[in-house]
Amino acid sequence: MTNETLDSVYEELKQLRDEIGLKLHLGGMDLRDQWGELESEWKTWTHQLAQELDAGAEDVEAKIREAGGDDLRKVEIKTKLAISKLQKGFKEVADKLNEERQ
């Protein structure tokens, strides 16, 4: 996954998250538990992402080379799974909020 792709996905998720947060603030009390879980996952993912980026590409690459190429694949799969889970969760909450408004 390239940095440009990751930046794009991050911005898309962040925008959706912000929109949902505003809608939840205005209503949708029954979705707050689901939202709380997604917020926790968001914070975990963004924290891990920040740590990896702060480590510097050279440090991360060196650690991956030392451990073997499979670790790079594991990191990529883990990142894609986290993104997919957040996208699905945010979409579910947004859809439910939209249904409540109709």
Protein backbone atom coordinates (compact mmCIF):
# COMPACT_ATOMS: atom_id res chain seq x y z
CA MET A 1 0.00 0.00 0.00
CA THR A 2 1.54 3.30 -1.05
CA ASN A 3 1.71 6.37 1.15
CA GLU A 4 -0.57 8.21 -1.29
CA THR A 5 -3.17 5.45 -1.05
CA LEU A 6 -2.88 5.39 2.73
CA ASP A 7 -3.23 9.20 2.88
CA SER A 8 -6.32 9.05 0.69
CA VAL A 9 -7.96 6.30 2.74
CA TYR A 10 -7.09 8.10 5.98
CA GLU A 11 -8.66 11.36 4.77
CA GLU A 12 -11.78 9.53 3.54
CA LEU A 13 -12.22 7.74 6.86
CA LYS A 14 -11.53 10.91 8.83
CA GLN A 15 -14.16 12.87 6.90
CA LEU A 16 -16.76 10.12 7.32
CA ARG A 17 -15.90 9.86 11.02
CA ASP A 18 -16.30 13.63 11.50
CA GLU A 19 -19.67 13.66 9.71
CA ILE A 20 -20.97 10.75 11.81
CA GLY A 21 -19.71 12.39 15.00
CA LEU A 22 -21.72 15.51 14.22
CA LYS A 23 -24.86 13.52 13.42
CA LEU A 24 -24.48 11.50 16.63
CA HIS A 25 -24.12 14.70 18.60
CA LEU A 26 -27.44 15.87 17.16
CA GLY A 27 -29.24 12.59 17.79
CA GLY A 28 -28.94 8.83 17.49
CA MET A 29 -28.37 7.92 21.13
CA ASP A 30 -28.89 4.21 20.45
CA LEU A 31 -25.82 4.13 18.21
CA ARG A 32 -23.44 5.58 20.77
CA ASP A 33 -22.16 2.18 21.96
CA GLN A 34 -21.32 1.09 18.41
CA TRP A 35 -19.74 4.49 17.82
CA GLY A 36 -17.68 4.16 21.00
CA GLU A 37 -16.21 0.88 19.78
CA LEU A 38 -15.38 2.40 16.39
CA GLU A 39 -13.76 5.41 18.06
CA SER A 40 -11.57 3.06 20.10
CA GLU A 41 -10.53 1.19 16.94
CA TRP A 42 -9.88 4.52 15.17
CA LYS A 43 -7.63 5.72 17.97
CA THR A 44 -5.73 2.43 18.05
CA TRP A 45 -5.22 2.41 14.28
CA THR A 46 -4.17 6.05 14.03
CA HIS A 47 -1.81 5.64 17.00
CA GLN A 48 -0.16 2.59 15.45
CA LEU A 49 0.06 4.36 12.10
CA ALA A 50 1.67 7.41 13.70
CA GLN A 51 4.20 5.22 15.53
CA GLU A 52 5.17 3.45 12.31
CA LEU A 53 5.52 6.73 10.43
CA ASP A 54 7.47 8.34 13.27
CA ALA A 55 9.84 5.38 13.30
CA GLY A 56 10.88 6.42 9.82
CA ALA A 57 10.71 4.36 6.68
CA GLU A 58 14.33 3.25 6.97
CA ASP A 59 13.88 1.94 10.52
CA VAL A 60 10.69 0.07 9.63
CA GLU A 61 12.23 -1.41 6.49
CA ALA A 62 15.34 -2.48 8.42
CA LYS A 63 13.23 -4.18 11.09
CA ILE A 64 11.17 -5.95 8.44
CA ARG A 65 14.29 -7.15 6.60
CA GLU A 66 15.70 -8.49 9.85
CA ALA A 67 12.49 -10.37 10.64
CA GLY A 68 11.88 -11.54 7.08
CA GLY A 69 9.66 -10.48 4.20
CA ASP A 70 6.56 -12.14 5.64
CA ASP A 71 6.31 -9.41 8.28
CA LEU A 72 5.81 -6.76 5.61
CA ARG A 73 2.93 -8.78 4.21
CA LYS A 74 1.48 -9.19 7.71
CA VAL A 75 1.65 -5.43 8.33
CA GLU A 76 -0.06 -4.73 5.02
CA ILE A 77 -2.81 -7.28 5.70
CA LYS A 78 -3.31 -5.95 9.23
CA THR A 79 -3.59 -2.38 7.89
CA LYS A 80 -6.07 -3.38 5.18
CA LEU A 81 -8.19 -5.30 7.70
CA ALA A 82 -8.26 -2.31 10.08
CA ILE A 83 -9.24 0.02 7.23
CA SER A 84 -11.94 -2.36 6.02
CA LYS A 85 -13.39 -2.78 9.51
CA LEU A 86 -13.48 0.98 10.08
CA GLN A 87 -15.03 1.66 6.67
CA LYS A 88 -17.73 -0.96 7.27
CA GLY A 89 -18.46 0.25 10.79
CA PHE A 90 -18.59 3.93 9.83
CA LYS A 91 -20.89 3.12 6.90
CA GLU A 92 -23.23 1.09 9.13
CA VAL A 93 -23.54 3.94 11.63
CA ALA A 94 -24.02 6.52 8.86
CA ASP A 95 -26.72 4.39 7.20
CA LYS A 96 -28.57 3.93 10.50
CA LEU A 97 -28.40 7.66 11.19
CA ASN A 98 -29.76 8.40 7.72
CA GLU A 99 -32.61 5.92 8.28
CA GLU A 100 -33.53 7.66 11.55
CA ARG A 101 -33.79 10.99 9.76
CA GLN A 102 -36.22 9.67 7.13
